[in-house]
N, C-alpha and C. Protein backbone atom coordinates (compact mmCIF):
# COMPACT_ATOMS: atom_id res chain seq x y z
N MET A 1 -11.19 6.72 53.18
CA MET A 1 -9.97 7.18 53.82
C MET A 1 -10.00 6.75 55.27
N THR A 2 -8.98 6.04 55.68
CA THR A 2 -8.87 5.66 57.07
C THR A 2 -7.93 6.62 57.79
N SER A 3 -8.11 6.72 59.09
CA SER A 3 -7.29 7.67 59.85
C SER A 3 -5.82 7.29 59.81
N GLU A 4 -5.51 6.02 59.55
CA GLU A 4 -4.11 5.60 59.45
C GLU A 4 -3.41 6.20 58.23
N ASN A 5 -4.17 6.53 57.18
CA ASN A 5 -3.59 7.08 55.94
C ASN A 5 -3.39 8.58 56.01
N ILE A 6 -3.98 9.23 56.96
CA ILE A 6 -3.92 10.69 57.02
C ILE A 6 -2.50 11.23 57.18
N PRO A 7 -1.66 10.65 58.05
CA PRO A 7 -0.30 11.18 58.14
C PRO A 7 0.47 11.11 56.81
N THR A 8 0.16 10.14 55.97
CA THR A 8 0.81 10.03 54.66
C THR A 8 0.43 11.21 53.77
N VAL A 9 -0.82 11.62 53.82
CA VAL A 9 -1.29 12.77 53.04
C VAL A 9 -0.53 14.03 53.46
N VAL A 10 -0.42 14.21 54.77
CA VAL A 10 0.25 15.40 55.30
C VAL A 10 1.75 15.35 54.97
N ALA A 11 2.36 14.18 55.08
CA ALA A 11 3.78 14.04 54.74
C ALA A 11 4.02 14.42 53.28
N GLY A 12 3.10 14.05 52.39
CA GLY A 12 3.22 14.40 50.98
C GLY A 12 3.23 15.90 50.76
N TYR A 13 2.46 16.61 51.53
CA TYR A 13 2.40 18.08 51.48
C TYR A 13 3.78 18.67 51.77
N PHE A 14 4.40 18.23 52.86
CA PHE A 14 5.72 18.75 53.24
C PHE A 14 6.81 18.28 52.29
N THR A 15 6.74 17.05 51.82
CA THR A 15 7.72 16.54 50.86
C THR A 15 7.70 17.35 49.58
N ALA A 16 6.52 17.68 49.09
CA ALA A 16 6.39 18.45 47.85
C ALA A 16 7.03 19.83 47.98
N ILE A 17 6.94 20.43 49.16
CA ILE A 17 7.60 21.72 49.37
C ILE A 17 9.10 21.55 49.28
N GLY A 18 9.63 20.54 49.97
CA GLY A 18 11.06 20.30 49.95
C GLY A 18 11.60 19.96 48.58
N GLU A 19 10.79 19.33 47.76
CA GLU A 19 11.18 19.00 46.39
C GLU A 19 10.92 20.15 45.43
N LYS A 20 10.36 21.23 45.97
CA LYS A 20 9.99 22.40 45.16
C LYS A 20 9.13 21.98 43.97
N ASP A 21 8.11 21.18 44.28
CA ASP A 21 7.23 20.62 43.26
C ASP A 21 5.80 21.12 43.48
N PRO A 22 5.44 22.25 42.86
CA PRO A 22 4.10 22.80 43.09
C PRO A 22 2.98 21.88 42.61
N ASP A 23 3.23 21.09 41.57
CA ASP A 23 2.18 20.19 41.09
C ASP A 23 1.88 19.09 42.10
N ALA A 24 2.93 18.51 42.69
CA ALA A 24 2.72 17.48 43.72
C ALA A 24 2.06 18.08 44.95
N TRP A 25 2.43 19.32 45.29
CA TRP A 25 1.84 20.00 46.44
C TRP A 25 0.34 20.22 46.21
N VAL A 26 -0.01 20.76 45.06
CA VAL A 26 -1.42 21.02 44.75
C VAL A 26 -2.22 19.71 44.72
N ALA A 27 -1.59 18.63 44.26
CA ALA A 27 -2.28 17.34 44.20
C ALA A 27 -2.67 16.83 45.59
N CYS A 28 -2.07 17.36 46.64
CA CYS A 28 -2.44 16.97 48.00
C CYS A 28 -3.80 17.55 48.39
N PHE A 29 -4.25 18.57 47.68
CA PHE A 29 -5.49 19.27 47.99
C PHE A 29 -6.66 18.75 47.16
N ALA A 30 -7.85 18.82 47.74
CA ALA A 30 -9.08 18.60 46.99
C ALA A 30 -9.18 19.67 45.90
N GLU A 31 -9.94 19.40 44.86
CA GLU A 31 -10.06 20.34 43.74
C GLU A 31 -10.41 21.76 44.21
N GLN A 32 -11.31 21.86 45.15
CA GLN A 32 -11.68 23.17 45.70
C GLN A 32 -11.14 23.34 47.12
N GLY A 33 -9.99 22.71 47.38
CA GLY A 33 -9.35 22.83 48.69
C GLY A 33 -9.00 24.28 48.99
N THR A 34 -8.91 24.57 50.27
CA THR A 34 -8.67 25.95 50.71
C THR A 34 -7.50 26.00 51.68
N SER A 35 -6.66 27.01 51.51
CA SER A 35 -5.56 27.25 52.42
C SER A 35 -5.69 28.67 52.98
N TYR A 36 -5.67 28.76 54.28
CA TYR A 36 -5.68 30.06 54.97
C TYR A 36 -4.24 30.35 55.36
N GLU A 37 -3.59 31.20 54.59
CA GLU A 37 -2.18 31.52 54.80
C GLU A 37 -2.07 32.88 55.48
N PRO A 38 -1.18 32.98 56.49
CA PRO A 38 -0.99 34.28 57.12
C PRO A 38 -0.46 35.28 56.10
N GLY A 39 -0.96 36.45 56.16
CA GLY A 39 -0.53 37.49 55.23
C GLY A 39 -1.31 37.53 53.93
N ALA A 40 -2.01 36.46 53.60
CA ALA A 40 -2.82 36.45 52.37
C ALA A 40 -4.09 37.25 52.64
N PRO A 41 -4.50 38.10 51.71
CA PRO A 41 -5.68 38.94 51.95
C PRO A 41 -6.99 38.16 51.97
N ALA A 42 -6.98 36.96 51.40
CA ALA A 42 -8.19 36.13 51.35
C ALA A 42 -7.76 34.67 51.33
N PRO A 43 -8.67 33.76 51.67
CA PRO A 43 -8.32 32.34 51.58
C PRO A 43 -7.93 31.97 50.15
N LEU A 44 -7.00 31.05 50.02
CA LEU A 44 -6.57 30.56 48.72
C LEU A 44 -7.40 29.32 48.41
N ARG A 45 -8.20 29.36 47.34
CA ARG A 45 -9.13 28.27 47.07
C ARG A 45 -8.96 27.76 45.64
N GLY A 46 -8.85 26.45 45.51
CA GLY A 46 -8.77 25.82 44.19
C GLY A 46 -7.33 25.64 43.74
N HIS A 47 -7.13 24.64 42.89
CA HIS A 47 -5.79 24.26 42.45
C HIS A 47 -5.02 25.38 41.75
N VAL A 48 -5.66 26.16 40.93
CA VAL A 48 -4.96 27.22 40.19
C VAL A 48 -4.39 28.25 41.15
N VAL A 49 -5.19 28.72 42.08
CA VAL A 49 -4.76 29.74 43.04
C VAL A 49 -3.71 29.18 43.99
N LEU A 50 -3.92 27.95 44.46
CA LEU A 50 -2.95 27.33 45.36
C LEU A 50 -1.59 27.17 44.68
N ARG A 51 -1.59 26.72 43.44
CA ARG A 51 -0.34 26.53 42.72
C ARG A 51 0.39 27.86 42.53
N GLN A 52 -0.35 28.89 42.15
CA GLN A 52 0.24 30.21 41.95
C GLN A 52 0.91 30.70 43.24
N PHE A 53 0.25 30.49 44.38
CA PHE A 53 0.81 30.89 45.66
C PHE A 53 2.13 30.18 45.92
N LEU A 54 2.15 28.86 45.76
CA LEU A 54 3.36 28.12 46.08
C LEU A 54 4.50 28.45 45.12
N VAL A 55 4.19 28.64 43.85
CA VAL A 55 5.23 29.02 42.88
C VAL A 55 5.89 30.34 43.32
N GLU A 56 5.08 31.28 43.78
CA GLU A 56 5.63 32.56 44.25
C GLU A 56 6.51 32.38 45.48
N VAL A 57 6.06 31.59 46.43
CA VAL A 57 6.84 31.35 47.65
C VAL A 57 8.15 30.64 47.31
N LEU A 58 8.07 29.56 46.57
CA LEU A 58 9.26 28.78 46.24
C LEU A 58 10.23 29.55 45.35
N GLY A 59 9.72 30.53 44.63
CA GLY A 59 10.57 31.33 43.74
C GLY A 59 11.66 32.09 44.48
N ALA A 60 11.50 32.29 45.78
CA ALA A 60 12.51 33.00 46.57
C ALA A 60 13.62 32.08 47.07
N PHE A 61 13.46 30.76 46.86
CA PHE A 61 14.37 29.79 47.46
C PHE A 61 15.19 29.02 46.43
N GLU A 62 16.46 28.86 46.76
CA GLU A 62 17.32 27.92 46.03
C GLU A 62 17.07 26.51 46.57
N LYS A 63 16.90 26.44 47.89
CA LYS A 63 16.68 25.17 48.56
C LYS A 63 15.79 25.41 49.77
N ILE A 64 14.89 24.46 50.05
CA ILE A 64 14.02 24.57 51.22
C ILE A 64 13.72 23.16 51.72
N ALA A 65 13.62 23.02 53.02
CA ALA A 65 13.27 21.74 53.63
C ALA A 65 12.33 22.01 54.80
N MET A 66 11.35 21.16 54.94
CA MET A 66 10.37 21.29 56.02
C MET A 66 10.41 20.01 56.85
N THR A 67 10.54 20.17 58.16
CA THR A 67 10.57 19.04 59.08
C THR A 67 9.30 19.04 59.89
N GLN A 68 8.63 17.89 59.96
CA GLN A 68 7.46 17.74 60.81
C GLN A 68 7.97 17.39 62.22
N ASP A 69 8.06 18.39 63.08
CA ASP A 69 8.61 18.18 64.42
C ASP A 69 7.65 17.40 65.32
N HIS A 70 6.39 17.78 65.30
CA HIS A 70 5.37 17.12 66.11
C HIS A 70 4.08 17.03 65.29
N VAL A 71 3.47 15.86 65.28
CA VAL A 71 2.24 15.63 64.53
C VAL A 71 1.17 15.16 65.51
N PHE A 72 0.05 15.87 65.52
CA PHE A 72 -1.05 15.54 66.42
C PHE A 72 -2.30 15.30 65.58
N GLN A 73 -2.85 14.11 65.67
CA GLN A 73 -4.02 13.76 64.86
C GLN A 73 -5.22 13.53 65.75
N SER A 74 -6.36 14.05 65.29
CA SER A 74 -7.64 13.80 65.94
C SER A 74 -8.66 13.60 64.83
N GLY A 75 -9.04 12.35 64.60
CA GLY A 75 -9.98 12.05 63.52
C GLY A 75 -9.37 12.42 62.19
N ASN A 76 -10.08 13.23 61.41
CA ASN A 76 -9.58 13.63 60.09
C ASN A 76 -8.84 14.97 60.12
N ARG A 77 -8.45 15.41 61.29
CA ARG A 77 -7.69 16.66 61.42
C ARG A 77 -6.30 16.36 61.98
N VAL A 78 -5.34 17.12 61.49
CA VAL A 78 -3.96 16.94 61.92
C VAL A 78 -3.35 18.32 62.13
N ALA A 79 -2.68 18.50 63.27
CA ALA A 79 -1.91 19.70 63.53
C ALA A 79 -0.44 19.32 63.50
N VAL A 80 0.36 20.08 62.77
CA VAL A 80 1.78 19.79 62.64
C VAL A 80 2.58 21.02 63.04
N LYS A 81 3.44 20.85 64.04
CA LYS A 81 4.41 21.89 64.38
C LYS A 81 5.61 21.60 63.48
N PHE A 82 6.00 22.57 62.65
CA PHE A 82 7.07 22.34 61.68
C PHE A 82 8.22 23.32 61.86
N THR A 83 9.35 22.93 61.31
CA THR A 83 10.51 23.81 61.19
C THR A 83 10.93 23.82 59.73
N GLY A 84 11.12 25.01 59.21
CA GLY A 84 11.59 25.16 57.84
C GLY A 84 12.99 25.75 57.82
N ARG A 85 13.79 25.22 56.93
CA ARG A 85 15.15 25.74 56.72
C ARG A 85 15.34 25.89 55.23
N GLY A 86 16.04 26.93 54.86
CA GLY A 86 16.25 27.10 53.43
C GLY A 86 17.38 28.05 53.12
N THR A 87 17.65 28.11 51.83
CA THR A 87 18.63 29.04 51.28
C THR A 87 17.92 29.84 50.21
N GLY A 88 17.91 31.15 50.38
CA GLY A 88 17.28 32.01 49.39
C GLY A 88 18.09 32.04 48.11
N LYS A 89 17.47 32.47 47.04
CA LYS A 89 18.19 32.60 45.76
C LYS A 89 19.34 33.59 45.88
N ASN A 90 19.28 34.44 46.92
CA ASN A 90 20.35 35.41 47.16
C ASN A 90 21.44 34.82 48.07
N GLY A 91 21.33 33.54 48.44
CA GLY A 91 22.33 32.88 49.26
C GLY A 91 22.09 32.98 50.76
N ARG A 92 21.11 33.73 51.17
CA ARG A 92 20.84 33.90 52.60
C ARG A 92 20.17 32.65 53.18
N GLN A 93 20.60 32.30 54.38
CA GLN A 93 20.01 31.17 55.10
C GLN A 93 18.80 31.64 55.90
N VAL A 94 17.76 30.82 55.94
CA VAL A 94 16.56 31.16 56.72
C VAL A 94 16.16 29.98 57.61
N LEU A 95 15.54 30.33 58.71
CA LEU A 95 14.99 29.35 59.64
C LEU A 95 13.64 29.91 60.07
N PHE A 96 12.60 29.09 59.97
CA PHE A 96 11.27 29.55 60.38
C PHE A 96 10.50 28.37 60.95
N GLU A 97 9.54 28.69 61.81
CA GLU A 97 8.73 27.67 62.45
C GLU A 97 7.26 28.07 62.37
N GLY A 98 6.41 27.09 62.55
CA GLY A 98 4.99 27.37 62.57
C GLY A 98 4.18 26.12 62.83
N ILE A 99 2.90 26.28 62.70
CA ILE A 99 1.95 25.18 62.87
C ILE A 99 0.99 25.22 61.69
N ASP A 100 0.80 24.09 61.07
CA ASP A 100 -0.22 23.93 60.04
C ASP A 100 -1.26 22.96 60.55
N VAL A 101 -2.53 23.29 60.35
CA VAL A 101 -3.64 22.44 60.76
C VAL A 101 -4.38 22.02 59.49
N PHE A 102 -4.55 20.72 59.33
CA PHE A 102 -5.14 20.15 58.12
C PHE A 102 -6.46 19.46 58.43
N GLU A 103 -7.41 19.61 57.52
CA GLU A 103 -8.65 18.82 57.55
C GLU A 103 -8.65 18.00 56.27
N ILE A 104 -8.68 16.68 56.42
CA ILE A 104 -8.60 15.76 55.29
C ILE A 104 -9.99 15.24 54.96
N ASN A 105 -10.35 15.25 53.67
CA ASN A 105 -11.68 14.78 53.27
C ASN A 105 -11.70 13.26 53.08
N GLN A 106 -12.85 12.72 52.74
CA GLN A 106 -13.01 11.28 52.57
C GLN A 106 -12.20 10.71 51.40
N ALA A 107 -11.86 11.55 50.45
CA ALA A 107 -11.06 11.11 49.30
C ALA A 107 -9.55 11.12 49.61
N GLY A 108 -9.19 11.51 50.82
CA GLY A 108 -7.79 11.53 51.20
C GLY A 108 -7.04 12.77 50.73
N LYS A 109 -7.76 13.84 50.51
CA LYS A 109 -7.17 15.10 50.07
C LYS A 109 -7.36 16.17 51.15
N ILE A 110 -6.48 17.15 51.14
CA ILE A 110 -6.60 18.26 52.07
C ILE A 110 -7.79 19.12 51.63
N GLN A 111 -8.79 19.21 52.47
CA GLN A 111 -9.95 20.04 52.18
C GLN A 111 -9.69 21.47 52.63
N THR A 112 -9.10 21.59 53.83
CA THR A 112 -8.81 22.91 54.38
C THR A 112 -7.50 22.84 55.16
N MET A 113 -6.70 23.88 55.01
CA MET A 113 -5.45 23.99 55.75
C MET A 113 -5.37 25.39 56.33
N TRP A 114 -5.01 25.48 57.62
CA TRP A 114 -4.82 26.75 58.29
C TRP A 114 -3.34 26.85 58.65
N GLY A 115 -2.67 27.87 58.16
CA GLY A 115 -1.25 28.06 58.44
C GLY A 115 -1.04 29.12 59.50
N TYR A 116 -0.17 28.80 60.44
CA TYR A 116 0.19 29.73 61.52
C TYR A 116 1.71 29.85 61.53
N TRP A 117 2.20 30.88 60.88
CA TRP A 117 3.63 31.17 60.83
C TRP A 117 3.77 32.64 60.48
N ASN A 118 4.98 33.16 60.53
CA ASN A 118 5.18 34.59 60.37
C ASN A 118 5.89 34.89 59.04
N PRO A 119 5.14 35.20 57.98
CA PRO A 119 5.78 35.47 56.70
C PRO A 119 6.67 36.72 56.73
N ALA A 120 6.34 37.71 57.54
CA ALA A 120 7.16 38.93 57.62
C ALA A 120 8.55 38.60 58.17
N ALA A 121 8.62 37.74 59.18
CA ALA A 121 9.92 37.35 59.75
C ALA A 121 10.73 36.56 58.73
N LEU A 122 10.07 35.70 57.97
CA LEU A 122 10.77 34.94 56.93
C LEU A 122 11.32 35.88 55.86
N MET A 123 10.52 36.82 55.40
CA MET A 123 10.98 37.76 54.38
C MET A 123 12.11 38.64 54.89
N ALA A 124 12.06 39.00 56.18
CA ALA A 124 13.14 39.81 56.76
C ALA A 124 14.45 39.04 56.73
N GLN A 125 14.40 37.74 56.99
CA GLN A 125 15.61 36.92 56.92
C GLN A 125 16.15 36.84 55.48
N LEU A 126 15.24 36.70 54.54
CA LEU A 126 15.65 36.61 53.13
C LEU A 126 16.26 37.91 52.63
N GLN A 127 15.79 39.05 53.17
CA GLN A 127 16.22 40.34 52.68
C GLN A 127 17.29 41.01 53.55
N ALA A 128 17.60 40.41 54.69
CA ALA A 128 18.56 41.04 55.64
C ALA A 128 19.92 41.24 55.00
């Protein structure tokens, strides 16, 4: 894996969310990849757990799009400031922002991801 390929891996992560494709999203992760999501009681580790998490999140949305506003790369790590926009299944519009930090392994997969965003604010928008 060269550092030039790393932004492509991260772009695939965000594209899969926008396409509401949990299988493509999970494929971005190493088999035992880990995601530290705010609000989750424990790290999410492995494809089965990661997929279950995303299916639950996407289940609240009719449509969702994630924009990579700023991408900062240092070696095999990437920090992305993102903006998310979506429409809940209830028709409510949402706007949320955050930062995701990725560590990419030698195979070109996300080994670890740390999410920094506010799930309570997002849920409040969906339920308002």
